[in-house]
Amino acid sequence: MKEVVAIIRRALVPETKKALERVGVTGMTLHAVLGRGKQGGVMSEIDPELEAMEGPGKLTMTPARYALEHQIHRPLQFVPKRLIEIVVEDEKVEDTLKAILEVNQTGNAGDGRVFVLPLEETYTVRTGEKNLLS
């Protein structure tokens, strides 16, 4: 078995989830994360969820937010993303990768990253039973 870890844009989570379900992947863990890649943070990474906020919930002015609103070209310190963790059988890894890449590959900086890791063993928390993966 393998663990597939994908860091993707927040707005593409629902579509990614549907694509994974189409290839038979239903179990996953989702985390809200902040990070930056090779581009070091880019001003073109505008998040629709952040832009839609109005009224009392409006974001406080951060240096990156100020730069965005005042046409100052300054990199974001960290970009909000989503991290998805998925455990799949070896034979499902390729389909899983294909589903993630098809949805998230826009060709722009900040599309994300996918890691494939080997799993040695797992345990069922309820029973403490060791689940052999070979």
Protein backbone atom coordinates (compact mmCIF):
# COMPACT_ATOMS: atom_id res chain seq x y z
CA MET A 1 0.00 0.00 0.00
CA LYS A 2 1.00 3.60 -0.52
CA GLU A 3 0.13 6.94 0.99
CA VAL A 4 -0.56 9.68 -1.56
CA VAL A 5 -0.15 13.18 -0.16
CA ALA A 6 -1.35 16.05 -2.36
CA ILE A 7 -1.03 19.78 -1.73
CA ILE A 8 -3.60 21.58 -3.89
CA ARG A 9 -5.46 24.86 -4.30
CA ARG A 10 -8.35 25.29 -1.86
CA ALA A 11 -10.92 26.02 -4.56
CA LEU A 12 -10.23 22.69 -6.28
CA VAL A 13 -10.97 20.42 -3.30
CA PRO A 14 -14.60 19.60 -4.26
CA GLU A 15 -13.68 18.75 -7.85
CA THR A 16 -10.67 16.71 -6.69
CA LYS A 17 -12.87 14.77 -4.26
CA LYS A 18 -15.32 13.92 -7.08
CA ALA A 19 -12.48 12.80 -9.37
CA LEU A 20 -11.07 10.56 -6.63
CA GLU A 21 -14.49 9.03 -5.96
CA ARG A 22 -14.80 8.23 -9.69
CA VAL A 23 -11.64 6.08 -9.46
CA GLY A 24 -12.83 4.36 -6.27
CA VAL A 25 -11.02 6.43 -3.63
CA THR A 26 -13.45 7.41 -0.89
CA GLY A 27 -11.34 7.63 2.27
CA MET A 28 -9.13 10.68 2.71
CA THR A 29 -7.95 13.17 5.30
CA LEU A 30 -8.00 16.89 4.54
CA HIS A 31 -5.89 19.54 6.26
CA ALA A 32 -5.82 23.34 5.90
CA VAL A 33 -2.17 24.30 5.42
CA LEU A 34 -0.01 27.31 4.66
CA GLY A 35 3.15 27.10 2.59
CA ARG A 36 5.17 28.31 -0.33
CA GLY A 37 6.96 26.62 -3.15
CA LYS A 38 9.73 27.49 -5.59
CA GLN A 39 8.04 30.74 -6.56
CA GLY A 40 8.42 32.01 -2.99
CA GLY A 41 4.82 33.23 -2.81
CA VAL A 42 3.16 35.05 -5.70
CA MET A 43 0.65 37.89 -5.82
CA SER A 44 -1.30 36.12 -8.57
CA GLU A 45 -2.37 33.51 -6.00
CA ILE A 46 -5.69 35.18 -5.20
CA ASP A 47 -8.03 32.96 -3.25
CA PRO A 48 -11.74 33.38 -4.12
CA GLU A 49 -12.73 32.51 -0.54
CA LEU A 50 -10.62 35.38 0.80
CA GLU A 51 -11.86 37.85 -1.81
CA ALA A 52 -15.51 37.02 -1.04
CA MET A 53 -15.25 37.96 2.63
CA GLU A 54 -17.05 41.19 3.54
CA GLY A 55 -18.32 43.00 6.62
CA PRO A 56 -17.26 42.04 10.15
CA GLY A 57 -15.48 38.93 8.87
CA LYS A 58 -13.22 40.93 6.54
CA LEU A 59 -9.56 40.11 6.84
CA THR A 60 -7.24 42.36 8.78
CA MET A 61 -4.69 44.23 6.72
CA THR A 62 -1.52 42.16 6.48
CA PRO A 63 1.55 43.28 4.52
CA ALA A 64 0.66 40.88 1.69
CA ARG A 65 -3.00 41.98 1.70
CA TYR A 66 -1.96 45.65 1.69
CA ALA A 67 0.36 44.96 -1.25
CA LEU A 68 -2.45 43.25 -3.16
CA GLU A 69 -4.93 46.07 -2.58
CA HIS A 70 -2.38 48.80 -3.34
CA GLN A 71 -0.76 47.30 -6.45
CA ILE A 72 2.54 46.68 -4.68
CA HIS A 73 4.24 43.62 -6.10
CA ARG A 74 5.37 41.74 -3.05
CA PRO A 75 5.33 37.97 -2.49
CA LEU A 76 2.96 36.41 0.01
CA GLN A 77 4.75 34.93 2.99
CA PHE A 78 2.63 31.77 2.89
CA VAL A 79 -0.14 30.69 0.53
CA PRO A 80 -3.26 28.94 1.92
CA LYS A 81 -3.61 25.43 0.45
CA ARG A 82 -5.23 22.10 1.25
CA LEU A 83 -3.31 18.90 1.97
CA ILE A 84 -5.06 15.62 1.19
CA GLU A 85 -3.79 12.31 2.57
CA ILE A 86 -4.98 9.11 0.91
CA VAL A 87 -4.02 5.48 1.52
CA VAL A 88 -4.48 3.23 -1.52
CA GLU A 89 -3.50 -0.21 -2.73
CA ASP A 90 -0.45 -0.27 -5.01
CA GLU A 91 -2.61 -0.99 -8.07
CA LYS A 92 -4.72 2.17 -7.46
CA VAL A 93 -1.80 4.60 -7.20
CA GLU A 94 -1.67 5.48 -10.90
CA ASP A 95 -5.44 6.11 -11.14
CA THR A 96 -5.27 8.21 -7.98
CA LEU A 97 -2.40 10.32 -9.33
CA LYS A 98 -4.13 10.76 -12.67
CA ALA A 99 -7.35 11.95 -10.98
CA ILE A 100 -5.48 14.49 -8.83
CA LEU A 101 -3.38 15.82 -11.69
CA GLU A 102 -6.27 16.10 -14.17
CA VAL A 103 -8.17 18.41 -11.83
CA ASN A 104 -5.31 20.44 -10.37
CA GLN A 105 -2.90 20.91 -13.28
CA THR A 106 -3.58 24.46 -14.52
CA GLY A 107 -0.06 25.16 -15.75
CA ASN A 108 0.32 28.08 -13.32
CA ALA A 109 2.74 28.49 -10.43
CA GLY A 110 1.14 27.24 -7.24
CA ASP A 111 -0.66 24.22 -8.73
CA GLY A 112 0.71 22.11 -5.88
CA ARG A 113 2.70 18.96 -5.30
CA VAL A 114 1.96 15.23 -4.93
CA PHE A 115 4.05 12.78 -2.92
CA VAL A 116 3.79 8.98 -2.96
CA LEU A 117 5.11 7.24 0.16
CA PRO A 118 5.44 3.55 1.05
CA LEU A 119 3.52 2.27 4.08
CA GLU A 120 5.09 -0.39 6.26
CA GLU A 121 2.23 -1.19 8.61
CA THR A 122 -1.01 0.15 10.04
CA TYR A 123 -3.01 -0.46 13.20
CA THR A 124 -6.74 -0.43 13.82
CA VAL A 125 -7.22 1.94 16.75
CA ARG A 126 -10.41 0.28 18.04
CA THR A 127 -8.88 -3.19 18.36
CA GLY A 128 -5.15 -2.50 18.34
CA GLU A 129 -4.84 -5.08 15.57
CA LYS A 130 -1.79 -4.77 13.32
CA ASN A 131 -2.76 -4.73 9.64
CA LEU A 132 -0.09 -6.29 7.46
CA LEU A 133 0.25 -4.56 4.13
CA SER A 134 2.35 -6.99 2.12
